[in-house]
Amino acid sequence: MDVQPLPAPPDPLAAPPLNWAIIGTGGIATRFATEIPALTRSRILAVGSRTPARAAQFAAQHGVAKYGTYAEVVALPEVEAVYVATPHSEHRDHALLALQAGKPVLVEKAFTRCRQQAEEVFTAAAAANLFVMEAMWTRFLPVAVAVRALLAEGALGQLVAFSADHSQSLEHVERLVRPELAGGALLDLGVYPIAFAHDLLGRPQAVAALGQSLATGVDATSGIVLQFSDAVAALTTSLRAAGAQGASLLGTAARLDIAGPFYRRTSFTVTGAGQTHQWQEAAGPDTPAGRAQAAGVEGGFEYQAAEVARCLAAGRTESAVMPWRATLEIMEIMDEVRRQLGVEYPA
């Protein structure tokens, strides 16, 4: 099997520097605080938490100069962008807090609890002429960029089916089983295959979902089918068991397979006309992957942070790669899935 290099997306190290504030101190915030200074020219200037002691501890662990409450850190004049990394249930309020302070915002996915809340954030951003983007980091990875390019040039023929799984054994994670925190598999795990399907096929014509919930009322496992004009997408997600987490694109000329976990892979295969070709991300010392390995970090978040920096430098209020419309349509899909599953979050 021959191996071809993936086309390189814009180098995150070439993006303009930014001073970031992080809202939240959980695992996703830790990854952002670790990767961004190591893999871009930006730095984490401040961190905010509901608990002063937790903010101080996080700042000390990651070399962050300033810390305080959410309101205090977004108000810092030196802060140029805010990353919201709190639970889903808090995303709208914390995004609005940053916008009210005049700061551009990167909001962790899922963007909000529902489409209505997302609309509120985008309306506020438009009124203030400020940048907002959902942190759909996988859309900026080299594999995703290459897959979109192959589809655009017709290498797979017409795409007729897409399948993907994102299932992990996470029932022990407290926030994921609490409906008041907008817990469940859908917003935390299912958003990945849903967003990938949307990236490839756009807004579906119809959504069908079946699944089971936990005793707490959050969704635990679901199967989702999205109907498009000329294609279907079959997606699964669960927080009760680990799945293969692969993805497959079926075209009339070729099939593209991404081994699990599809959202972290650096390669994929294309099979057609009796031949299989592998596409592999470059990993030399002066590449993003090589730098991540040298820094001892997973890597991947640097691409979305670089996109924010480029957009701000260009005076944009939204990203062309992850526009507001995409976030609204993804939230719309998840709203419909929850409706069919009978899952509701407390007001």
Foldseek 3Di string as FASTA:
>chain_A
DAEAAFDDDPQLQPFDEFAEEEEDDDDVVLQCLQPQVLRYVYHHAEYADPDPVSRVVSCVVRVHNYYYHLLVVLLDPRHAEYEYDAFQACQLVSLVSNVVSVHAYEYEFVNHLFLVSLVVSVVSCVVSLAAYFYLLLLLQDSVNVRVQVCVVVCVQPAWAEKEWEFEEQAPVPVLQQALQSVHAFCGPTVLNVLLSCCLNANFFPDKDKDADHDPNQHTAKMWMWGHHPRYIYIYIYGNRHGDQCKMWIHGPFWIKIQTPVNSQDQKIWIDGPNDIYIYGHDQDCPHSNNSCVVSVHSDRSSRVVSQVSNCVVVSHRYGPSGGSVSSSSSSVNSVVNCVNHVGDGDD
